[in-house]
Amino acid sequence: MKNILVIQTSSPFDGVKCREALDTALIFAAIDQNVSILFKDDAVFCLHENQNPALVNLKDYFKTLKMLELYDVENIYACKKSLELRGIDINSLHLSCELLDNNQIKTILNANDHLVTM
């Protein structure tokens, strides 16, 4: 079993990149890989509650984030600095995740066999 970290960096409203990153994490988890996911940069907007993707003609895939738990993706991380820079209150996140500073992110990056950035 390989340790795979999927790193999401794109805004949830920037095409389908966030959806593809989520699908990638779920696919790896479905084939019994040890999958973690990191939300950083504009991808932290995926974690903010009260999203309304219909306003920009996107499907509501935010509910699919809850599927991570069902697929045993237990290591869900968010970049603390990215949240702070975007004014997102950690109490407003609709997904339980571990907040990481830059040093912790470096440690997580080094602890994985494969990194997939999307």
Protein backbone atom coordinates (compact mmCIF):
# COMPACT_ATOMS: atom_id res chain seq x y z
CA MET A 1 0.00 0.00 0.00
CA LYS A 2 1.35 3.41 -1.01
CA ASN A 3 0.87 6.69 0.83
CA ILE A 4 -0.63 9.19 -1.60
CA LEU A 5 -1.27 12.86 -0.88
CA VAL A 6 -3.70 14.66 -3.18
CA ILE A 7 -3.04 18.40 -3.00
CA GLN A 8 -5.91 20.61 -4.04
CA THR A 9 -4.94 24.19 -4.92
CA SER A 10 -7.64 25.50 -7.27
CA SER A 11 -10.77 27.42 -6.42
CA PRO A 12 -13.91 25.28 -6.37
CA PHE A 13 -15.40 27.71 -8.88
CA ASP A 14 -12.51 27.48 -11.34
CA GLY A 15 -13.80 24.83 -13.70
CA VAL A 16 -13.75 21.21 -12.58
CA LYS A 17 -10.27 21.00 -11.04
CA CYS A 18 -11.51 20.58 -7.47
CA ARG A 19 -13.98 17.94 -8.53
CA GLU A 20 -11.23 16.08 -10.37
CA ALA A 21 -8.95 16.21 -7.31
CA LEU A 22 -11.75 14.84 -5.15
CA ASP A 23 -12.48 12.07 -7.67
CA THR A 24 -8.76 11.23 -7.81
CA ALA A 25 -8.60 10.88 -4.02
CA LEU A 26 -11.68 8.64 -4.01
CA ILE A 27 -10.32 6.45 -6.82
CA PHE A 28 -7.02 5.89 -5.01
CA ALA A 29 -8.90 5.12 -1.80
CA ALA A 30 -11.15 2.65 -3.65
CA ILE A 31 -8.10 0.64 -4.73
CA ASP A 32 -6.90 0.38 -1.13
CA GLN A 33 -4.22 3.04 -1.12
CA ASN A 34 -3.52 5.14 1.96
CA VAL A 35 -4.86 8.49 0.73
CA SER A 36 -4.62 11.90 2.35
CA ILE A 37 -5.88 15.19 0.95
CA LEU A 38 -4.57 18.70 1.50
CA PHE A 39 -6.58 21.83 0.72
CA LYS A 40 -4.37 24.87 0.17
CA ASP A 41 -4.40 28.17 -1.69
CA ASP A 42 -7.84 28.86 -3.21
CA ALA A 43 -8.94 25.25 -2.67
CA VAL A 44 -9.68 26.12 0.98
CA PHE A 45 -12.88 27.71 -0.33
CA CYS A 46 -14.11 24.11 -0.83
CA LEU A 47 -14.23 23.81 2.95
CA HIS A 48 -16.31 26.90 3.61
CA GLU A 49 -19.92 26.20 4.48
CA ASN A 50 -22.87 27.68 2.59
CA GLN A 51 -21.44 27.28 -0.90
CA ASN A 52 -23.85 27.80 -3.78
CA PRO A 53 -22.28 26.40 -6.96
CA ALA A 54 -25.54 26.81 -8.89
CA LEU A 55 -24.84 30.54 -9.05
CA VAL A 56 -21.95 29.83 -11.44
CA ASN A 57 -23.65 26.90 -13.20
CA LEU A 58 -21.68 24.14 -11.45
CA LYS A 59 -23.01 20.93 -9.98
CA ASP A 60 -23.09 20.75 -6.20
CA TYR A 61 -20.17 18.44 -5.50
CA PHE A 62 -19.52 19.89 -2.04
CA LYS A 63 -21.70 17.16 -0.57
CA THR A 64 -19.33 14.64 -2.13
CA LEU A 65 -16.61 15.82 0.26
CA LYS A 66 -18.38 13.79 2.92
CA MET A 67 -17.60 10.69 0.81
CA LEU A 68 -13.97 11.01 1.87
CA GLU A 69 -14.90 9.56 5.26
CA LEU A 70 -16.77 6.65 3.67
CA TYR A 71 -13.70 5.77 1.59
CA ASP A 72 -11.48 5.86 4.69
CA VAL A 73 -9.68 9.03 3.70
CA GLU A 74 -9.02 9.95 7.29
CA ASN A 75 -6.18 12.42 6.82
CA ILE A 76 -7.84 15.59 5.59
CA TYR A 77 -5.66 18.66 5.94
CA ALA A 78 -6.08 22.38 5.36
CA CYS A 79 -3.37 25.00 5.10
CA LYS A 80 -3.85 27.33 8.03
CA LYS A 81 -2.18 30.26 6.25
CA SER A 82 -4.41 29.83 3.17
CA LEU A 83 -7.50 29.99 5.38
CA GLU A 84 -6.25 33.07 7.20
CA LEU A 85 -5.26 34.92 4.01
CA ARG A 86 -8.76 34.35 2.61
CA GLY A 87 -10.53 35.37 5.81
CA ILE A 88 -12.13 31.97 6.35
CA ASP A 89 -12.98 31.28 9.97
CA ILE A 90 -11.97 27.77 10.98
CA ASN A 91 -15.29 27.47 12.82
CA SER A 92 -17.16 27.86 9.51
CA LEU A 93 -15.66 24.76 7.86
CA HIS A 94 -18.19 22.10 6.91
CA LEU A 95 -15.59 19.34 6.83
CA SER A 96 -13.51 18.19 9.76
CA CYS A 97 -9.83 18.64 8.93
CA GLU A 98 -6.49 19.14 10.58
CA LEU A 99 -5.01 22.61 10.16
CA LEU A 100 -1.34 22.67 9.21
CA ASP A 101 1.29 25.39 9.21
CA ASN A 102 4.03 25.47 6.55
CA ASN A 103 6.47 23.33 8.57
CA GLN A 104 3.80 20.67 9.15
CA ILE A 105 2.96 20.69 5.44
CA LYS A 106 6.62 20.02 4.59
CA THR A 107 6.59 17.08 7.01
CA ILE A 108 3.41 15.68 5.42
CA LEU A 109 4.87 16.08 1.92
CA ASN A 110 7.96 14.12 2.89
CA ALA A 111 5.92 11.38 4.58
CA ASN A 112 4.08 10.38 1.39
CA ASP A 113 5.25 8.10 -1.41
CA HIS A 114 3.40 10.01 -4.14
CA LEU A 115 2.11 13.58 -4.44
CA VAL A 116 -0.70 14.49 -6.82
CA THR A 117 -1.22 18.24 -7.22
CA MET A 118 -4.39 19.48 -8.88
